[in-house]
Amino acid sequence: MSGTWPLYSTQAARALDQRATRALGGDAYVLMQRAGQVAWQHVLQHWPDAQRIVVVCGPGSNGGDGYVLARHAHRAGRSVDVVHLRSHVPGNPVAQRACTEYVAAGGRVALFDAVLPHADLVVDALFGIGLSRAPEGEARALIEAVNTQAAPVFALDVPSGVDADRGSAPGAAVLATRTLQFIVRHVGLHTGDALEYTGQLALEELDLPGESLEGVPADASLLDHDALVSWLLPRRRNTHKGESGHVLCIGGDEGSGGAIALCAEAALRAGAGLVSVATRPAHVPALLARRPEAMVRAVESTDDLVPMVARARVVAVGPGLGQGEWGQALFRHALRSGLPLVVDADALNLLSAAAQPLEDAVFTPHPGEAARLLACTVADVQRDRVGAAQAIAQRYAAVVVLKGAGTVVASGQATRIVGAGNPGMAVGGMGDLLTGIIASLRAQGLSAFDAASAGALLHGLAGDAAAWDGERGLLPSDLLPHVRRLANP
């Protein structure tokens, strides 16, 4: 499918490295030379005027890539200093060969001594994918020195200190200006803490034979704008509102009418043919004034909800629902309806107490709600966002949209990461829009997993469009015109 890019774990990346080495005749140094060469070309493209280059090299293959880059830079007449730790002499024959050839070409190598030489560019070739724990001692000090110097930082494959599988940074990590991944994209670099450290991401596949990438399945997929076209197809000329589905939005306890209003309007703007709202009587006039296209009804008990559920195709439950008797009663009725559900906010908090599987449902938790669903801490969720989303999906037999930087969409069989969204979207009410959008796409005929994926992508892209003139002060309602535009790719 266009607009999706495979993402791989470190285990898969290592397997692909081995396949690539075999495809190139069995000499791992050939692959290292290619990596170092394309990295040097990347330097020439993005920092052509950098005359003083410091390359921080570790003991493994990532360090070997750095030595190859350093050799090319030295031969091009740049002033190059390779810096390494006392314990970081090349630890394998391939990296040692790269070091030896650099030194033989006249290159300088020095031990790290508290500060780095002055540079126009620093290259991070310290750890790559080979580190999944917090750097300690001199390694931590070296990373901190990289971060405190003034030059831009170019990370090879992975910023050192970032977990390439989980996206977390358990301790000190290199703050890169750009990161160049080799052969494949790493799943962890597209979500969570990693987004703080990678800078601009790029990929070089190193011109490998196509067969070298076969037989190793991807661990996830990255979604970009072009994926929308596969899901949001043009409507039939001879259509009617019933074909576009009927969404019932349940929520808006006393004092929380805005949440369910945002949910309902998002469902309409994303293309639902009909949207009903079940809410507290006090919110009905404001909702009708704001969006007369929504069919709003005052609901005091589940008896009032019965005819609304009977007409709906999908139920979005949770925005502003509250956890009192009113919210609990409406949530239980939604669970018994047998309709596809999109479950958010207070409905997730109510569900976490029951741990009830909900097949064909979509959950849209933020990290706090995810932590309650898993009975763990928010830090646990953020330490491994992909793993947390997958664990919720398995525990509840549902599709999960774990919101946040690098939104993760997980089912029991597959995982997708949304390559859209920005910090301006960290404001109350954004999740209510997402719930409405996903429910709308579900009502229009998409499967739970595809509705969740397309909805999260549409939501993120609309947020990026709305933030074009600034992220600070961005409001959920600012996204609505862009939701409509982008829902018609």
Protein backbone atom coordinates (compact mmCIF):
# COMPACT_ATOMS: atom_id res chain seq x y z
CA MET A 1 0.00 0.00 0.00
CA SER A 2 1.41 3.41 -0.96
CA GLY A 3 2.22 5.71 1.92
CA THR A 4 3.38 2.90 4.22
CA TRP A 5 7.00 2.14 5.00
CA PRO A 6 8.29 -0.99 6.76
CA LEU A 7 9.88 -0.59 10.18
CA TYR A 8 12.25 -3.17 11.65
CA SER A 9 13.48 -4.25 15.07
CA THR A 10 17.20 -4.39 15.85
CA GLN A 11 17.04 -8.19 15.63
CA ALA A 12 15.59 -7.96 12.13
CA ALA A 13 18.11 -5.26 11.18
CA ARG A 14 20.99 -7.50 12.22
CA ALA A 15 19.54 -10.38 10.23
CA LEU A 16 19.29 -8.13 7.19
CA ASP A 17 22.88 -6.97 7.68
CA GLN A 18 23.98 -10.60 7.55
CA ARG A 19 21.91 -11.25 4.43
CA ALA A 20 23.33 -8.14 2.80
CA THR A 21 26.88 -9.21 3.64
CA ARG A 22 26.29 -12.59 2.02
CA ALA A 23 24.76 -10.93 -1.03
CA LEU A 24 27.92 -8.80 -1.36
CA GLY A 25 30.23 -11.80 -1.34
CA GLY A 26 30.56 -12.45 2.38
CA ASP A 27 32.91 -9.57 3.23
CA ALA A 28 31.32 -7.39 5.92
CA TYR A 29 33.81 -4.64 5.19
CA VAL A 30 32.21 -4.04 1.78
CA LEU A 31 28.95 -3.14 3.54
CA MET A 32 30.78 -0.93 6.06
CA GLN A 33 32.55 0.89 3.24
CA ARG A 34 29.21 1.56 1.55
CA ALA A 35 27.72 2.89 4.78
CA GLY A 36 30.66 5.19 5.45
CA GLN A 37 30.72 6.39 1.84
CA VAL A 38 27.03 7.32 1.71
CA ALA A 39 27.32 8.96 5.12
CA TRP A 40 30.14 11.13 3.78
CA GLN A 41 28.01 12.03 0.76
CA HIS A 42 25.28 12.99 3.21
CA VAL A 43 27.75 15.33 4.94
CA LEU A 44 28.64 16.93 1.60
CA GLN A 45 24.96 17.42 0.83
CA HIS A 46 23.89 18.95 4.13
CA TRP A 47 27.08 20.52 5.54
CA PRO A 48 29.23 21.26 2.48
CA ASP A 49 31.13 24.04 4.27
CA ALA A 50 32.10 21.99 7.34
CA GLN A 51 35.91 22.07 7.39
CA ARG A 52 36.53 20.81 10.94
CA ILE A 53 34.84 17.48 11.58
CA VAL A 54 34.92 15.48 14.80
CA VAL A 55 33.85 11.83 14.55
CA VAL A 56 33.01 10.10 17.83
CA CYS A 57 33.61 6.38 17.30
CA GLY A 58 32.57 3.40 19.39
CA PRO A 59 34.03 -0.11 19.39
CA GLY A 60 31.52 -1.82 17.10
CA SER A 61 30.29 -1.65 13.53
CA ASN A 62 28.76 1.79 14.06
CA GLY A 63 32.21 3.04 15.00
CA GLY A 64 33.59 1.32 11.92
CA ASP A 65 31.16 3.29 9.75
CA GLY A 66 32.47 6.42 11.45
CA TYR A 67 36.11 5.55 10.66
CA VAL A 68 35.22 5.08 6.98
CA LEU A 69 33.46 8.46 6.91
CA ALA A 70 36.47 10.04 8.65
CA ARG A 71 38.84 8.60 6.03
CA HIS A 72 36.77 10.07 3.19
CA ALA A 73 36.62 13.44 4.93
CA HIS A 74 40.38 13.43 5.56
CA ARG A 75 41.15 12.58 1.93
CA ALA A 76 38.85 15.42 0.86
CA GLY A 77 41.08 17.84 2.74
CA ARG A 78 38.94 18.38 5.80
CA SER A 79 40.45 18.66 9.27
CA VAL A 80 39.27 15.47 10.97
CA ASP A 81 39.60 14.25 14.55
CA VAL A 82 38.35 10.82 15.59
CA VAL A 83 37.61 10.67 19.31
CA HIS A 84 36.99 7.48 21.26
CA LEU A 85 36.96 6.27 24.85
CA ARG A 86 39.84 4.35 26.37
CA SER A 87 37.64 1.25 26.46
CA HIS A 88 36.36 1.77 22.93
CA VAL A 89 39.15 0.46 20.74
CA PRO A 90 37.61 -1.36 17.75
CA GLY A 91 36.13 -4.58 19.07
CA ASN A 92 35.73 -6.59 15.86
CA PRO A 93 38.02 -7.22 12.88
CA VAL A 94 35.88 -5.22 10.46
CA ALA A 95 35.83 -2.09 12.63
CA GLN A 96 39.55 -2.56 13.30
CA ARG A 97 40.21 -2.64 9.56
CA ALA A 98 38.30 0.61 9.11
CA CYS A 99 40.33 2.20 11.90
CA THR A 100 43.62 0.94 10.50
CA GLU A 101 42.89 2.30 7.02
CA TYR A 102 41.92 5.68 8.44
CA VAL A 103 45.14 5.92 10.45
CA ALA A 104 47.19 4.69 7.49
CA ALA A 105 45.74 7.52 5.42
CA GLY A 106 47.13 9.99 7.97
CA GLY A 107 44.03 10.39 10.12
CA ARG A 108 44.21 11.56 13.74
CA VAL A 109 42.79 9.53 16.63
CA ALA A 110 42.57 10.78 20.21
CA LEU A 111 41.14 9.63 23.53
CA PHE A 112 38.23 11.63 24.92
CA ASP A 113 39.45 14.03 27.59
CA ALA A 114 36.43 15.87 29.06
CA VAL A 115 35.84 18.16 26.05
CA LEU A 116 35.68 17.68 22.30
CA PRO A 117 37.88 19.49 19.79
CA HIS A 118 36.27 22.55 18.20
CA ALA A 119 34.23 21.49 15.17
CA ASP A 120 31.89 22.62 12.43
CA LEU A 121 30.22 19.19 12.54
CA VAL A 122 30.21 16.32 15.01
CA VAL A 123 29.46 12.79 13.75
CA ASP A 124 27.96 10.35 16.26
CA ALA A 125 29.21 6.82 15.50
CA LEU A 126 29.34 5.72 19.11
CA PHE A 127 26.78 2.95 19.68
CA GLY A 128 24.16 2.77 16.90
CA ILE A 129 21.66 -0.05 17.50
CA GLY A 130 24.04 -1.77 19.89
CA LEU A 131 22.85 -0.08 23.10
CA SER A 132 19.56 -0.58 24.95
CA ARG A 133 20.54 0.62 28.45
CA ALA A 134 21.56 3.92 29.95
CA PRO A 135 25.15 4.92 29.09
CA GLU A 136 27.37 5.09 32.15
CA GLY A 137 30.63 6.69 33.24
CA GLU A 138 32.82 8.00 30.43
CA ALA A 139 30.25 7.05 27.80
CA ARG A 140 27.69 9.29 29.47
CA ALA A 141 30.25 12.09 29.78
CA LEU A 142 31.12 11.80 26.08
CA ILE A 143 27.45 12.00 25.05
CA GLU A 144 26.97 15.04 27.28
CA ALA A 145 30.03 16.65 25.67
CA VAL A 146 28.50 16.07 22.23
CA ASN A 147 25.28 17.72 23.37
CA THR A 148 26.92 20.78 24.96
CA GLN A 149 29.17 21.74 22.04
CA ALA A 150 27.74 24.17 19.49
CA ALA A 151 28.13 22.36 16.15
CA PRO A 152 25.36 20.37 14.43
CA VAL A 153 25.38 16.63 15.12
CA PHE A 154 25.04 13.92 12.48
CA ALA A 155 24.08 10.51 13.92
CA LEU A 156 24.86 7.33 12.01
CA ASP A 157 21.96 4.86 12.08
CA VAL A 158 20.71 5.72 15.60
CA PRO A 159 21.52 8.59 18.00
CA SER A 160 23.67 6.96 20.67
CA GLY A 161 21.69 6.32 23.84
CA VAL A 162 18.32 5.89 22.08
CA ASP A 163 16.76 2.41 22.17
CA ALA A 164 16.12 1.62 18.50
CA ASP A 165 13.38 -0.89 19.39
CA ARG A 166 11.42 1.00 22.04
CA GLY A 167 12.09 4.63 21.15
CA SER A 168 13.05 5.43 24.72
CA ALA A 169 16.17 7.15 26.01
CA PRO A 170 16.89 5.49 29.37
CA GLY A 171 19.71 7.93 30.16
CA ALA A 172 21.95 10.37 28.31
CA ALA A 173 21.39 10.34 24.54
CA VAL A 174 22.83 12.27 21.61
CA LEU A 175 20.69 15.17 20.41
CA ALA A 176 21.16 14.80 16.66
CA THR A 177 20.47 17.41 14.02
CA ARG A 178 20.06 14.64 11.44
CA THR A 179 20.07 10.86 11.65
CA LEU A 180 20.89 8.62 8.70
CA GLN A 181 19.51 5.08 8.99
CA PHE A 182 21.19 2.32 7.02
CA ILE A 183 19.36 -0.38 5.00
CA VAL A 184 16.08 -0.21 6.98
CA ARG A 185 14.06 2.14 9.15
CA HIS A 186 14.15 1.35 12.86
CA VAL A 187 10.78 1.02 14.56
CA GLY A 188 11.80 2.83 17.74
CA LEU A 189 12.99 6.00 15.99
CA HIS A 190 9.45 7.02 15.06
CA THR A 191 7.75 7.26 18.46
CA GLY A 192 8.26 8.54 21.98
CA ASP A 193 11.54 9.97 23.27
CA ALA A 194 13.33 9.16 20.02
CA LEU A 195 11.55 12.04 18.29
CA GLU A 196 13.38 14.43 20.63
CA TYR A 197 16.78 13.07 19.58
CA THR A 198 16.76 12.04 15.92
CA GLY A 199 16.35 15.43 14.27
CA GLN A 200 15.64 14.99 10.57
CA LEU A 201 15.50 11.30 9.65
CA ALA A 202 16.82 9.87 6.39
CA LEU A 203 17.39 6.38 4.99
CA GLU A 204 20.11 4.95 2.76
CA GLU A 205 19.45 1.41 1.50
CA LEU A 206 23.07 1.05 0.31
CA ASP A 207 22.09 -0.24 -3.16
CA LEU A 208 21.68 -3.80 -1.93
CA PRO A 209 20.30 -6.60 -4.11
CA GLY A 210 16.56 -6.83 -3.65
CA GLU A 211 16.63 -10.45 -2.56
CA SER A 212 18.75 -9.57 0.48
CA LEU A 213 15.69 -7.95 2.09
CA GLU A 214 13.32 -10.82 1.41
CA GLY A 215 12.12 -13.24 4.06
CA VAL A 216 12.60 -10.95 7.08
CA PRO A 217 9.18 -9.56 8.06
CA ALA A 218 8.80 -5.96 9.18
CA ASP A 219 7.79 -5.36 12.79
CA ALA A 220 5.57 -2.36 12.03
CA SER A 221 4.66 0.13 9.32
CA LEU A 222 5.09 3.89 9.18
CA LEU A 223 2.16 5.84 7.70
CA ASP A 224 2.48 9.05 5.74
CA HIS A 225 0.03 11.27 3.86
CA ASP A 226 -0.20 9.07 0.77
CA ALA A 227 -1.74 6.22 2.77
CA LEU A 228 -5.02 8.15 3.04
CA VAL A 229 -5.74 7.60 -0.63
CA SER A 230 -5.96 3.85 -0.07
CA TRP A 231 -8.66 4.26 2.60
CA LEU A 232 -10.63 7.40 1.73
CA LEU A 233 -11.97 6.53 -1.70
CA PRO A 234 -14.27 8.85 -3.70
CA ARG A 235 -17.96 8.29 -3.07
CA ARG A 236 -20.36 6.86 -5.60
CA ARG A 237 -22.23 9.45 -7.61
CA ASN A 238 -25.53 7.74 -6.75
CA THR A 239 -25.08 7.61 -3.00
CA HIS A 240 -27.15 8.61 0.03
CA LYS A 241 -26.46 9.55 3.63
CA GLY A 242 -27.17 6.05 4.91
CA GLU A 243 -24.22 4.67 2.96
CA SER A 244 -21.90 6.94 4.91
CA GLY A 245 -23.00 5.56 8.23
CA HIS A 246 -24.66 6.73 11.41
CA VAL A 247 -22.45 7.54 14.41
CA LEU A 248 -23.86 7.81 17.92
CA CYS A 249 -21.70 9.91 20.26
CA ILE A 250 -22.33 9.28 23.97
CA GLY A 251 -20.90 11.63 26.57
CA GLY A 252 -20.93 15.12 27.97
CA ASP A 253 -21.76 14.85 31.65
CA GLU A 254 -22.44 18.06 33.54
CA GLY A 255 -19.67 20.55 32.79
CA SER A 256 -18.16 18.51 29.94
CA GLY A 257 -20.41 19.33 27.01
CA GLY A 258 -17.55 20.64 24.88
CA ALA A 259 -15.92 17.21 24.67
CA ILE A 260 -18.88 15.49 23.10
CA ALA A 261 -19.52 18.50 20.84
CA LEU A 262 -15.99 18.24 19.41
CA CYS A 263 -16.42 14.50 18.94
CA ALA A 264 -19.69 14.93 17.05
CA GLU A 265 -18.44 17.71 14.81
CA ALA A 266 -15.31 15.72 13.94
CA ALA A 267 -17.47 12.75 13.00
CA LEU A 268 -19.44 14.97 10.62
CA ARG A 269 -16.37 16.63 9.12
CA ALA A 270 -14.75 13.23 8.55
CA GLY A 271 -17.74 12.22 6.43
CA ALA A 272 -20.35 10.40 8.51
CA GLY A 273 -23.78 10.62 6.89
CA LEU A 274 -25.61 10.96 10.21
CA VAL A 275 -24.41 11.85 13.70
CA SER A 276 -26.50 11.60 16.84
CA VAL A 277 -25.46 12.85 20.27
CA ALA A 278 -26.66 11.49 23.60
CA THR A 279 -25.82 13.97 26.34
CA ARG A 280 -27.09 15.82 29.40
CA PRO A 281 -30.11 18.09 28.88
CA ALA A 282 -28.11 21.20 29.77
CA HIS A 283 -25.85 20.74 26.75
CA VAL A 284 -28.53 20.31 24.09
CA PRO A 285 -29.13 24.01 23.24
CA ALA A 286 -25.43 24.83 22.91
CA LEU A 287 -24.79 21.76 20.79
CA LEU A 288 -27.63 22.54 18.42
CA ALA A 289 -26.50 26.15 18.14
CA ARG A 290 -22.94 25.10 17.40
CA ARG A 291 -23.73 22.29 14.99
CA PRO A 292 -27.37 22.03 13.91
CA GLU A 293 -26.54 19.11 11.61
CA ALA A 294 -26.08 16.87 14.66
CA MET A 295 -29.15 15.14 16.04
CA VAL A 296 -28.85 15.94 19.73
CA ARG A 297 -31.01 14.35 22.38
CA ALA A 298 -31.20 14.82 26.12
CA VAL A 299 -30.53 11.53 27.88
CA GLU A 300 -31.22 11.06 31.55
CA SER A 301 -31.33 7.26 31.61
CA THR A 302 -30.64 4.23 29.46
CA ASP A 303 -34.32 4.19 28.47
CA ASP A 304 -33.68 7.40 26.54
CA LEU A 305 -30.68 5.78 24.89
CA VAL A 306 -32.41 2.66 23.54
CA PRO A 307 -33.95 4.16 20.36
CA MET A 308 -30.72 6.02 19.57
CA VAL A 309 -28.64 2.86 19.75
CA ALA A 310 -31.14 1.06 17.53
CA ARG A 311 -30.53 3.52 14.68
CA ALA A 312 -26.74 3.75 14.94
CA ARG A 313 -24.04 1.86 13.07
CA VAL A 314 -21.12 2.80 15.35
CA VAL A 315 -20.95 4.14 18.90
CA ALA A 316 -18.31 6.62 20.11
CA VAL A 317 -18.39 6.60 23.89
CA GLY A 318 -16.33 8.43 26.47
CA PRO A 319 -15.70 12.11 25.69
CA GLY A 320 -16.87 14.02 28.77
CA LEU A 321 -18.74 10.92 29.96
CA GLY A 322 -17.63 11.13 33.57
CA GLN A 323 -17.38 8.19 35.94
CA GLY A 324 -20.53 8.80 37.95
CA GLU A 325 -23.73 6.79 37.89
CA TRP A 326 -24.97 8.47 34.70
CA GLY A 327 -21.75 7.73 32.78
CA GLN A 328 -21.51 4.20 34.11
CA ALA A 329 -25.09 3.37 33.10
CA LEU A 330 -24.64 4.73 29.56
CA PHE A 331 -21.33 2.96 29.15
CA ARG A 332 -22.77 -0.39 30.22
CA HIS A 333 -25.59 0.03 27.72
CA ALA A 334 -23.09 0.81 24.95
CA LEU A 335 -21.19 -2.35 25.81
CA ARG A 336 -24.36 -4.41 25.53
CA SER A 337 -25.38 -2.86 22.22
CA GLY A 338 -23.31 -5.23 20.10
CA LEU A 339 -22.30 -2.32 17.85
CA PRO A 340 -18.71 -1.47 16.92
CA LEU A 341 -17.35 0.86 19.59
CA VAL A 342 -14.76 3.61 19.74
CA VAL A 343 -13.85 3.91 23.41
CA ASP A 344 -12.12 6.98 24.83
CA ALA A 345 -11.49 9.03 27.95
CA ASP A 346 -13.74 8.18 30.94
CA ALA A 347 -15.07 5.10 29.18
CA LEU A 348 -11.51 3.73 29.15
CA ASN A 349 -11.15 4.47 32.83
CA LEU A 350 -14.40 2.62 33.53
CA LEU A 351 -13.25 -0.27 31.37
CA SER A 352 -9.92 -0.55 33.16
CA ALA A 353 -11.73 -1.59 36.32
CA ALA A 354 -13.46 -4.47 34.53
CA ALA A 355 -10.73 -5.62 32.08
CA GLN A 356 -13.43 -6.81 29.69
CA PRO A 357 -12.36 -7.91 26.19
CA LEU A 358 -14.11 -5.93 23.46
CA GLU A 359 -13.65 -7.49 20.04
CA ASP A 360 -14.08 -5.14 17.07
CA ALA A 361 -13.65 -2.09 19.33
CA VAL A 362 -11.11 0.72 19.00
CA PHE A 363 -9.51 2.16 22.14
CA THR A 364 -7.89 5.60 21.99
CA PRO A 365 -5.90 5.98 25.24
CA HIS A 366 -3.35 8.61 26.11
CA PRO A 367 -0.39 7.25 28.14
CA GLY A 368 -2.17 7.78 31.47
CA GLU A 369 -5.22 5.82 30.36
CA ALA A 370 -2.99 3.16 28.83
CA ALA A 371 -1.20 2.79 32.17
CA ARG A 372 -4.53 2.20 33.91
CA LEU A 373 -5.53 -0.39 31.33
CA LEU A 374 -2.25 -2.24 31.90
CA ALA A 375 -2.05 -1.61 35.67
CA CYS A 376 1.40 -0.08 35.29
CA THR A 377 2.95 3.39 35.39
CA VAL A 378 2.96 6.07 32.70
CA ALA A 379 6.75 5.76 32.65
CA ASP A 380 6.37 2.05 31.84
CA VAL A 381 4.11 2.91 28.90
CA GLN A 382 6.40 5.61 27.56
CA ARG A 383 9.46 3.39 27.96
CA ASP A 384 8.02 1.04 25.31
CA ARG A 385 5.08 2.62 23.52
CA VAL A 386 4.86 -0.03 20.82
CA GLY A 387 4.96 -2.83 23.38
CA ALA A 388 2.33 -1.11 25.54
CA ALA A 389 -0.08 -0.66 22.62
CA GLN A 390 0.40 -4.28 21.60
CA ALA A 391 -0.16 -5.48 25.17
CA ILE A 392 -3.47 -3.59 25.46
CA ALA A 393 -4.60 -4.93 22.09
CA GLN A 394 -3.89 -8.48 23.21
CA ARG A 395 -5.41 -8.11 26.67
CA TYR A 396 -8.67 -6.55 25.44
CA ALA A 397 -8.91 -8.13 21.96
CA ALA A 398 -9.27 -4.60 20.58
CA VAL A 399 -7.51 -2.21 18.23
CA VAL A 400 -5.51 0.36 20.20
CA VAL A 401 -4.53 3.90 19.24
CA LEU A 402 -1.90 4.97 21.78
CA LYS A 403 -1.84 8.74 21.44
CA GLY A 404 1.25 10.90 21.80
CA ALA A 405 4.41 11.68 19.87
CA GLY A 406 4.47 9.00 17.19
CA THR A 407 0.96 7.64 17.71
CA VAL A 408 0.96 3.83 17.71
CA VAL A 409 -1.93 1.82 16.22
CA ALA A 410 -1.90 -1.85 17.23
CA SER A 411 -4.10 -4.86 16.67
CA GLY A 412 -3.40 -8.44 17.62
CA GLN A 413 -1.70 -9.01 14.26
CA ALA A 414 -0.06 -5.77 13.12
CA THR A 415 1.29 -2.41 14.25
CA ARG A 416 1.39 0.96 12.53
CA ILE A 417 3.02 4.24 13.57
CA VAL A 418 1.63 7.56 12.41
CA GLY A 419 4.17 9.85 10.81
CA ALA A 420 2.19 13.03 11.49
CA GLY A 421 1.30 15.30 14.39
CA ASN A 422 3.07 18.00 16.38
CA PRO A 423 3.51 19.28 19.97
CA GLY A 424 0.80 21.90 19.49
CA MET A 425 -1.73 19.08 19.60
CA ALA A 426 -0.97 18.45 23.27
CA VAL A 427 -4.07 20.31 24.45
CA GLY A 428 -7.40 19.25 25.91
CA GLY A 429 -10.01 18.22 23.37
CA MET A 430 -7.70 16.84 20.67
CA GLY A 431 -8.55 13.28 21.70
CA ASP A 432 -12.26 14.02 21.41
CA LEU A 433 -11.72 14.94 17.75
CA LEU A 434 -9.81 11.72 17.17
CA THR A 435 -12.61 9.63 18.65
CA GLY A 436 -15.15 11.23 16.33
CA ILE A 437 -12.95 10.86 13.27
CA ILE A 438 -12.29 7.16 13.88
CA ALA A 439 -15.97 6.47 14.58
CA SER A 440 -16.90 8.26 11.37
CA LEU A 441 -14.51 6.21 9.25
CA ARG A 442 -15.67 3.03 10.96
CA ALA A 443 -19.27 3.92 10.12
CA GLN A 444 -18.24 4.51 6.50
CA GLY A 445 -17.18 0.88 6.19
CA LEU A 446 -13.52 0.65 7.18
CA SER A 447 -12.40 -2.20 9.43
CA ALA A 448 -11.53 -1.35 13.02
CA PHE A 449 -7.77 -1.44 12.31
CA ASP A 450 -7.99 0.59 9.12
CA ALA A 451 -10.41 3.13 10.62
CA ALA A 452 -8.08 3.57 13.58
CA SER A 453 -5.05 3.93 11.29
CA ALA A 454 -6.67 6.27 8.79
CA GLY A 455 -8.32 8.28 11.57
CA ALA A 456 -5.11 8.76 13.52
CA LEU A 457 -3.27 9.74 10.33
CA LEU A 458 -6.01 12.16 9.25
CA HIS A 459 -6.03 13.69 12.74
CA GLY A 460 -2.24 14.15 12.76
CA LEU A 461 -2.13 15.63 9.27
CA ALA A 462 -4.93 18.05 10.12
CA GLY A 463 -2.98 19.08 13.20
CA ASP A 464 0.12 19.73 11.11
CA ALA A 465 -1.87 21.79 8.62
CA ALA A 466 -3.50 23.83 11.38
CA ALA A 467 -0.11 24.44 13.02
CA TRP A 468 1.39 25.90 9.87
CA ASP A 469 1.43 29.38 11.45
CA GLY A 470 2.40 28.23 14.94
CA GLU A 471 1.96 25.32 17.35
CA ARG A 472 1.49 27.25 20.58
CA GLY A 473 -2.17 28.16 21.07
CA LEU A 474 -3.46 25.54 18.62
CA LEU A 475 -7.05 24.55 19.44
CA PRO A 476 -8.91 21.36 18.50
CA SER A 477 -11.53 23.33 16.58
CA ASP A 478 -8.73 24.78 14.43
CA LEU A 479 -8.32 21.30 12.91
CA LEU A 480 -11.88 20.87 11.68
CA PRO A 481 -11.61 22.66 8.29
CA HIS A 482 -8.45 20.66 7.58
CA VAL A 483 -10.12 17.40 8.57
CA ARG A 484 -12.73 17.97 5.89
CA ARG A 485 -10.15 18.95 3.23
CA LEU A 486 -7.79 16.07 3.97
CA ALA A 487 -10.64 13.55 4.12
CA ASN A 488 -11.00 14.16 0.36
CA PRO A 489 -7.50 13.20 -0.93
